Amino acid sequence: MAAPNIVQVATITAKTTALTPSGTSAVVLLPNASNSGKVLKINQILVSNTTASNVAGTVSYYTNGAVAQGSAPSSGTEFKIAPAIPIPTASTLIVLDKTMVLYLEENTSLTVTSGTGSALTYVVSYEELS
C-alpha cells in the first residue's frame, strides 16, 4: 500500500518514543514498516548526554528495511541528517524541530549511532498520519 495522501488523512495520532542504545553500532530509533498505510511526520529529535564526557551522536534517515526499534538496519541506504555531532556533557542537542519537515514513508526509518554505548538518549516526537 502507498503512503496516505496527507491532505485527506483520517487520523492524526501524536506520539513520542525514546532510546538509549547500549552499543556503538547503528540501530533503529523509529521505523515505519512496509505496508503500514501510515506516514510519520517528525516534529522533533533530541539527543541528550548525561555522562561526564563529550560523546558524538549520529542521526540518519534510512531507506528500505524498516525493522523494530533497537534493531540494526537490515538493508537500504543511509542518509546522515546529523553526522557524528559532539554532544557536550550534561546537555541536549536539538537535531530537528517543527521549523523543519521530515516525513518517514513506508519502509523507512530513523537510525542513531552513539560514540559511546549507553551515553546518549535519543527522543523523537512525531505524528502518525493514516
C-alpha atoms as a PDB file:
ATOM      1  CA  MET A   1       0.000   0.000   0.000  1.00  0.00           C
ATOM      2  CA  ALA A   2       1.195   3.507  -0.770  1.00  0.00           C
ATOM      3  CA  ALA A   3       1.516   6.168   1.879  1.00  0.00           C
ATOM      4  CA  PRO A   4      -1.745   8.035   2.505  1.00  0.00           C
ATOM      5  CA  ASN A   5      -2.500  11.416   0.969  1.00  0.00           C
ATOM      6  CA  ILE A   6      -1.788  13.742   3.903  1.00  0.00           C
ATOM      7  CA  VAL A   7      -4.390  16.262   2.741  1.00  0.00           C
ATOM      8  CA  GLN A   8      -7.140  13.653   3.138  1.00  0.00           C
ATOM      9  CA  VAL A   9      -5.768  11.913   6.235  1.00  0.00           C
ATOM     10  CA  ALA A  10      -8.410  10.428   8.559  1.00  0.00           C
ATOM     11  CA  THR A  11      -6.380  10.065  11.761  1.00  0.00           C
ATOM     12  CA  ILE A  12      -3.509  12.029  13.313  1.00  0.00           C
ATOM     13  CA  THR A  13      -2.013  10.470  16.440  1.00  0.00           C
ATOM     14  CA  ALA A  14       0.675  12.295  18.445  1.00  0.00           C
ATOM     15  CA  LYS A  15       3.461  10.038  19.713  1.00  0.00           C
ATOM     16  CA  THR A  16       6.874  10.165  21.371  1.00  0.00           C
ATOM     17  CA  THR A  17       9.470   7.440  21.665  1.00  0.00           C
ATOM     18  CA  ALA A  18      12.967   7.282  23.151  1.00  0.00           C
ATOM     19  CA  LEU A  19      16.001   5.020  23.004  1.00  0.00           C
ATOM     20  CA  THR A  20      19.350   4.811  24.808  1.00  0.00           C
ATOM     21  CA  PRO A  21      21.486   2.482  22.651  1.00  0.00           C
ATOM     22  CA  SER A  22      23.746   0.195  24.681  1.00  0.00           C
ATOM     23  CA  GLY A  23      26.284  -0.200  21.866  1.00  0.00           C
ATOM     24  CA  THR A  24      28.055   1.899  19.257  1.00  0.00           C
ATOM     25  CA  SER A  25      26.542   0.423  16.085  1.00  0.00           C
ATOM     26  CA  ALA A  26      23.644   1.963  14.177  1.00  0.00           C
ATOM     27  CA  VAL A  27      20.206   0.997  15.491  1.00  0.00           C
ATOM     28  CA  VAL A  28      16.676   1.957  14.528  1.00  0.00           C
ATOM     29  CA  LEU A  29      15.109   4.728  16.622  1.00  0.00           C
ATOM     30  CA  LEU A  30      11.826   4.969  14.705  1.00  0.00           C
ATOM     31  CA  PRO A  31      10.657   2.549  11.997  1.00  0.00           C
ATOM     32  CA  ASN A  32       7.760   2.870   9.571  1.00  0.00           C
ATOM     33  CA  ALA A  33       7.087  -0.657   8.381  1.00  0.00           C
ATOM     34  CA  SER A  34       6.292  -1.546   4.794  1.00  0.00           C
ATOM     35  CA  ASN A  35       2.544  -1.688   4.175  1.00  0.00           C
ATOM     36  CA  SER A  36       1.844   0.283   7.381  1.00  0.00           C
ATOM     37  CA  GLY A  37      -0.509   2.587   5.498  1.00  0.00           C
ATOM     38  CA  LYS A  38       0.979   5.455   7.516  1.00  0.00           C
ATOM     39  CA  VAL A  39       3.239   8.453   7.104  1.00  0.00           C
ATOM     40  CA  LEU A  40       5.184   9.606  10.166  1.00  0.00           C
ATOM     41  CA  LYS A  41       5.695  13.373  10.400  1.00  0.00           C
ATOM     42  CA  ILE A  42       8.740  14.043  12.554  1.00  0.00           C
ATOM     43  CA  ASN A  43       8.288  17.099  14.790  1.00  0.00           C
ATOM     44  CA  GLN A  44      11.386  16.968  16.982  1.00  0.00           C
ATOM     45  CA  ILE A  45      14.526  14.918  17.530  1.00  0.00           C
ATOM     46  CA  LEU A  46      16.553  15.474  20.709  1.00  0.00           C
ATOM     47  CA  VAL A  47      19.862  13.912  21.765  1.00  0.00           C
ATOM     48  CA  SER A  48      20.818  14.096  25.447  1.00  0.00           C
ATOM     49  CA  ASN A  49      24.167  13.312  27.022  1.00  0.00           C
ATOM     50  CA  THR A  50      24.068  12.533  30.745  1.00  0.00           C
ATOM     51  CA  THR A  51      27.693  11.415  31.047  1.00  0.00           C
ATOM     52  CA  ALA A  52      30.772  13.289  32.233  1.00  0.00           C
ATOM     53  CA  SER A  53      32.373  13.260  28.759  1.00  0.00           C
ATOM     54  CA  ASN A  54      31.559  14.642  25.324  1.00  0.00           C
ATOM     55  CA  VAL A  55      30.052  11.927  23.112  1.00  0.00           C
ATOM     56  CA  ALA A  56      29.432  12.000  19.351  1.00  0.00           C
ATOM     57  CA  GLY A  57      25.976  11.109  18.093  1.00  0.00           C
ATOM     58  CA  THR A  58      24.632  10.490  14.589  1.00  0.00           C
ATOM     59  CA  VAL A  59      21.036  10.599  13.379  1.00  0.00           C
ATOM     60  CA  SER A  60      20.252   9.208   9.912  1.00  0.00           C
ATOM     61  CA  TYR A  61      17.339   8.655   7.568  1.00  0.00           C
ATOM     62  CA  TYR A  62      17.358   5.084   6.273  1.00  0.00           C
ATOM     63  CA  THR A  63      15.620   3.860   3.128  1.00  0.00           C
ATOM     64  CA  ASN A  64      14.337   0.324   2.826  1.00  0.00           C
ATOM     65  CA  GLY A  65      14.279  -2.344   5.508  1.00  0.00           C
ATOM     66  CA  ALA A  66      12.406  -0.678   8.372  1.00  0.00           C
ATOM     67  CA  VAL A  67      12.798  -3.059  11.335  1.00  0.00           C
ATOM     68  CA  ALA A  68      11.907  -2.904  15.038  1.00  0.00           C
ATOM     69  CA  GLN A  69      13.246  -0.176  17.308  1.00  0.00           C
ATOM     70  CA  GLY A  70      16.673  -1.070  18.701  1.00  0.00           C
ATOM     71  CA  SER A  71      17.454  -3.443  15.820  1.00  0.00           C
ATOM     72  CA  ALA A  72      20.234  -2.949  13.300  1.00  0.00           C
ATOM     73  CA  PRO A  73      19.001  -1.584   9.949  1.00  0.00           C
ATOM     74  CA  SER A  74      18.631  -4.528   7.570  1.00  0.00           C
ATOM     75  CA  SER A  75      19.155  -3.042   4.128  1.00  0.00           C
ATOM     76  CA  GLY A  76      18.805   0.165   2.172  1.00  0.00           C
ATOM     77  CA  THR A  77      20.742   3.391   2.089  1.00  0.00           C
ATOM     78  CA  GLU A  78      21.725   5.648   4.977  1.00  0.00           C
ATOM     79  CA  PHE A  79      21.438   9.440   4.648  1.00  0.00           C
ATOM     80  CA  LYS A  80      23.033  11.249   7.576  1.00  0.00           C
ATOM     81  CA  ILE A  81      20.952  14.096   8.991  1.00  0.00           C
ATOM     82  CA  ALA A  82      23.347  14.888  11.846  1.00  0.00           C
ATOM     83  CA  PRO A  83      26.722  13.124  11.339  1.00  0.00           C
ATOM     84  CA  ALA A  84      28.913  12.471  14.403  1.00  0.00           C
ATOM     85  CA  ILE A  85      27.997  15.674  16.213  1.00  0.00           C
ATOM     86  CA  PRO A  86      29.742  16.010  19.591  1.00  0.00           C
ATOM     87  CA  ILE A  87      27.168  16.347  22.385  1.00  0.00           C
ATOM     88  CA  PRO A  88      28.751  18.125  25.384  1.00  0.00           C
ATOM     89  CA  THR A  89      28.447  16.595  28.811  1.00  0.00           C
ATOM     90  CA  ALA A  90      25.110  17.126  30.590  1.00  0.00           C
ATOM     91  CA  SER A  91      23.470  18.795  27.587  1.00  0.00           C
ATOM     92  CA  THR A  92      20.839  18.266  24.902  1.00  0.00           C
ATOM     93  CA  LEU A  93      21.083  18.896  21.163  1.00  0.00           C
ATOM     94  CA  ILE A  94      18.001  19.700  19.078  1.00  0.00           C
ATOM     95  CA  VAL A  95      18.647  17.876  15.807  1.00  0.00           C
ATOM     96  CA  LEU A  96      15.280  18.735  14.262  1.00  0.00           C
ATOM     97  CA  ASP A  97      12.340  20.867  15.358  1.00  0.00           C
ATOM     98  CA  LYS A  98       8.968  21.933  13.941  1.00  0.00           C
ATOM     99  CA  THR A  99      10.560  24.579  11.707  1.00  0.00           C
ATOM    100  CA  MET A 100      11.873  21.711   9.546  1.00  0.00           C
ATOM    101  CA  VAL A 101       9.938  18.954   7.781  1.00  0.00           C
ATOM    102  CA  LEU A 102      10.841  15.271   7.695  1.00  0.00           C
ATOM    103  CA  TYR A 103       8.415  12.519   6.738  1.00  0.00           C
ATOM    104  CA  LEU A 104       9.016   8.804   7.115  1.00  0.00           C
ATOM    105  CA  GLU A 105       7.204   6.962   4.363  1.00  0.00           C
ATOM    106  CA  GLU A 106       6.538   3.240   4.470  1.00  0.00           C
ATOM    107  CA  ASN A 107       9.618   1.008   4.755  1.00  0.00           C
ATOM    108  CA  THR A 108      11.920   3.795   6.009  1.00  0.00           C
ATOM    109  CA  SER A 109      13.333   4.576   9.429  1.00  0.00           C
ATOM    110  CA  LEU A 110      15.360   6.922  11.581  1.00  0.00           C
ATOM    111  CA  THR A 111      18.577   5.356  12.836  1.00  0.00           C
ATOM    112  CA  VAL A 112      21.009   6.518  15.511  1.00  0.00           C
ATOM    113  CA  THR A 113      24.631   5.802  16.355  1.00  0.00           C
ATOM    114  CA  SER A 114      26.404   6.699  19.598  1.00  0.00           C
ATOM    115  CA  GLY A 115      30.158   7.126  20.020  1.00  0.00           C
ATOM    116  CA  THR A 116      29.898   5.530  23.488  1.00  0.00           C
ATOM    117  CA  GLY A 117      27.371   2.895  24.496  1.00  0.00           C
ATOM    118  CA  SER A 118      24.613   3.898  26.955  1.00  0.00           C
ATOM    119  CA  ALA A 119      25.785   7.541  26.916  1.00  0.00           C
ATOM    120  CA  LEU A 120      23.194   9.223  24.687  1.00  0.00           C
ATOM    121  CA  THR A 121      19.407   9.197  24.819  1.00  0.00           C
ATOM    122  CA  TYR A 122      17.530   9.934  21.600  1.00  0.00           C
ATOM    123  CA  VAL A 123      13.941  11.216  21.820  1.00  0.00           C
ATOM    124  CA  VAL A 124      11.661  11.714  18.814  1.00  0.00           C
ATOM    125  CA  SER A 125       8.181  13.238  18.837  1.00  0.00           C
ATOM    126  CA  TYR A 126       6.070  12.649  15.766  1.00  0.00           C
ATOM    127  CA  GLU A 127       2.600  12.431  14.296  1.00  0.00           C
ATOM    128  CA  GLU A 128       1.292   9.205  12.834  1.00  0.00           C
ATOM    129  CA  LEU A 129      -0.874  10.056   9.809  1.00  0.00           C
ATOM    130  CA  SER A 130      -3.241   7.415   8.461  1.00  0.00           C
END
